[in-house]
Protein backbone atom coordinates (compact mmCIF):
# COMPACT_ATOMS: atom_id res chain seq x y z
CA MET A 1 -70.22 41.56 -35.68
CA HIS A 2 -68.33 38.52 -37.29
CA LYS A 3 -68.76 40.40 -40.68
CA LYS A 4 -66.41 43.29 -39.43
CA TYR A 5 -63.97 40.36 -37.80
CA PHE A 6 -63.84 38.44 -41.42
CA THR A 7 -63.01 41.34 -42.91
CA LEU A 8 -60.50 42.70 -40.91
CA TYR A 9 -59.43 38.70 -40.94
CA THR A 10 -59.13 39.35 -44.82
CA ILE A 11 -57.03 42.14 -45.58
CA ALA A 12 -54.46 41.04 -42.68
CA VAL A 13 -54.30 37.84 -44.85
CA VAL A 14 -53.86 39.48 -47.78
CA VAL A 15 -51.12 41.87 -46.36
CA LEU A 16 -49.17 39.16 -45.09
CA ILE A 17 -49.74 37.34 -48.73
CA ALA A 18 -48.54 41.08 -50.19
CA ILE A 19 -45.30 40.97 -48.18
CA TYR A 20 -44.48 37.17 -48.64
CA PHE A 21 -44.66 38.11 -52.32
CA SER A 22 -42.61 41.09 -52.07
CA LEU A 23 -40.26 39.03 -50.04
CA LEU A 24 -39.96 36.51 -52.94
CA LYS A 25 -38.87 39.58 -55.22
CA PHE A 26 -36.43 41.37 -53.30
CA LYS A 27 -34.75 38.32 -51.05
CA ALA A 28 -35.56 35.06 -53.48
CA ALA A 29 -31.97 33.63 -51.91
CA ASP A 30 -33.01 33.73 -48.69
CA VAL A 31 -34.90 30.38 -48.13
CA GLN A 32 -35.33 30.56 -44.42
CA LEU A 33 -36.80 34.05 -44.54
CA HIS A 34 -39.46 32.57 -46.60
CA THR A 35 -39.91 29.59 -44.60
CA ASP A 36 -40.00 31.58 -41.46
CA PHE A 37 -42.61 33.93 -42.91
CA MET A 38 -44.99 31.42 -44.09
CA LEU A 39 -44.70 28.97 -40.56
CA CYS A 40 -45.90 32.50 -38.45
CA SER A 41 -48.63 33.21 -41.37
CA ILE A 42 -50.20 29.99 -40.76
CA PHE A 43 -49.89 29.71 -37.17
CA PHE A 44 -51.55 32.79 -37.06
CA ALA A 45 -53.77 32.65 -39.71
CA VAL A 46 -55.27 29.10 -38.20
CA LEU A 47 -55.27 30.43 -34.24
CA SER A 48 -56.82 33.81 -34.70
CA PRO A 49 -60.47 32.53 -35.81
CA LEU A 50 -60.55 29.66 -33.02
CA LEU A 51 -59.54 32.20 -30.39
CA TYR A 52 -61.96 35.14 -31.84
CA PHE A 53 -65.00 32.55 -31.58
CA PHE A 54 -63.89 31.50 -27.85
CA GLY A 55 -63.83 35.46 -27.02
CA VAL A 56 -67.62 35.61 -28.82
CA LYS A 57 -68.30 32.65 -26.84
CA GLY A 58 -67.86 34.29 -23.60
CA LEU A 59 -69.32 37.49 -24.70
CA GLN A 60 -72.44 35.65 -24.99
CA SER A 61 -72.53 34.63 -21.49
CA LYS A 62 -75.15 36.02 -19.01
CA ASN A 63 -72.16 37.64 -17.00
CA ASN A 64 -69.28 39.24 -17.24
CA ILE A 65 -67.38 36.86 -15.19
CA GLY A 66 -67.96 33.80 -17.71
CA PHE A 67 -66.64 36.64 -20.56
CA MET A 68 -63.49 37.47 -18.56
CA SER A 69 -63.02 33.42 -18.10
CA PHE A 70 -63.40 33.36 -21.66
CA PHE A 71 -61.12 36.22 -22.61
CA TYR A 72 -58.46 35.37 -20.56
CA GLY A 73 -58.39 31.46 -21.31
CA SER A 74 -57.93 32.44 -25.13
CA PHE A 75 -55.54 34.64 -23.79
CA MET A 76 -53.69 32.43 -22.16
CA ILE A 77 -54.10 29.76 -24.87
CA LYS A 78 -52.27 32.10 -27.48
CA LEU A 79 -49.73 32.56 -24.95
CA PHE A 80 -48.82 29.03 -24.50
CA LEU A 81 -49.38 28.03 -27.97
CA SER A 82 -47.03 30.93 -29.17
CA LEU A 83 -44.68 29.77 -26.80
CA GLY A 84 -44.41 26.37 -27.73
CA PHE A 85 -44.32 27.09 -31.21
CA VAL A 86 -41.63 29.13 -30.74
CA MET A 87 -39.35 26.74 -28.96
CA ILE A 88 -40.22 24.20 -30.94
CA TYR A 89 -39.04 26.31 -33.93
CA LEU A 90 -35.80 27.18 -31.98
CA SER A 91 -35.05 23.97 -31.04
CA GLN A 92 -35.24 22.43 -34.49
CA ILE A 93 -34.10 25.08 -36.70
CA LYS A 94 -30.23 25.61 -35.27
CA ASN A 95 -29.30 28.45 -37.51
CA ALA A 96 -32.52 30.62 -36.44
CA GLN A 97 -31.84 34.47 -37.19
CA TRP A 98 -33.69 37.30 -36.48
CA THR A 99 -36.10 36.83 -39.34
CA PHE A 100 -38.28 34.52 -37.30
CA ILE A 101 -38.71 36.78 -34.64
CA ALA A 102 -39.66 39.48 -36.90
CA ALA A 103 -42.38 37.81 -38.95
CA PHE A 104 -43.03 36.37 -35.64
CA GLY A 105 -44.01 40.08 -34.00
CA LEU A 106 -45.38 40.96 -37.05
CA CYS A 107 -48.19 38.12 -37.46
CA TYR A 108 -49.03 38.49 -33.54
CA PHE A 109 -49.54 41.99 -33.47
CA LEU A 110 -51.29 41.88 -36.48
CA PHE A 111 -53.78 39.40 -35.56
CA SER A 112 -54.03 40.41 -31.70
CA GLY A 113 -54.96 43.95 -32.45
CA ILE A 114 -57.51 42.43 -35.07
CA GLU A 115 -59.25 40.20 -32.25
CA THR A 116 -58.78 42.95 -29.82
CA ALA A 117 -60.72 45.25 -31.52
CA CYS A 118 -63.01 43.37 -33.16
CA LEU A 119 -63.82 41.80 -29.61
CA MET A 120 -64.37 45.66 -28.09
CA VAL A 121 -66.84 46.58 -30.78
CA ALA A 122 -68.73 43.51 -29.85
CA THR A 123 -68.49 44.13 -26.31
CA LYS A 124 -69.68 48.17 -27.18
CA LYS A 125 -72.44 47.12 -28.81
CA LYS A 126 -73.52 43.91 -25.90
CA ILE A 127 -73.71 47.04 -23.61
CA ILE A 128 -75.67 49.48 -25.37
């Protein structure tokens, strides 16, 4: 269960690193783009494993209500932390550009997709 998550998580981090270095190559003068992309990548690279284990903890509960509580709790944590991260970033950086929104969206959907897919696989294994 955890092996598949860590494999996909590692692939996602490698893809983000590859995207970052390709950005360095093509947009070397745009420092804001690099900062935006790295901040978003680090934020989700730290947050994603924590929330995945929160979901797995809920999956190990004896009843379905416990799982749903953990799952929706991790969803709400991600939602509010993401909203807080965006609000703090936008309030601190006065000339924030579309690059931040694009980088944040890419990282959000990449890591959320991996978490959801691995939790779905783990749920199927628990039912069978």
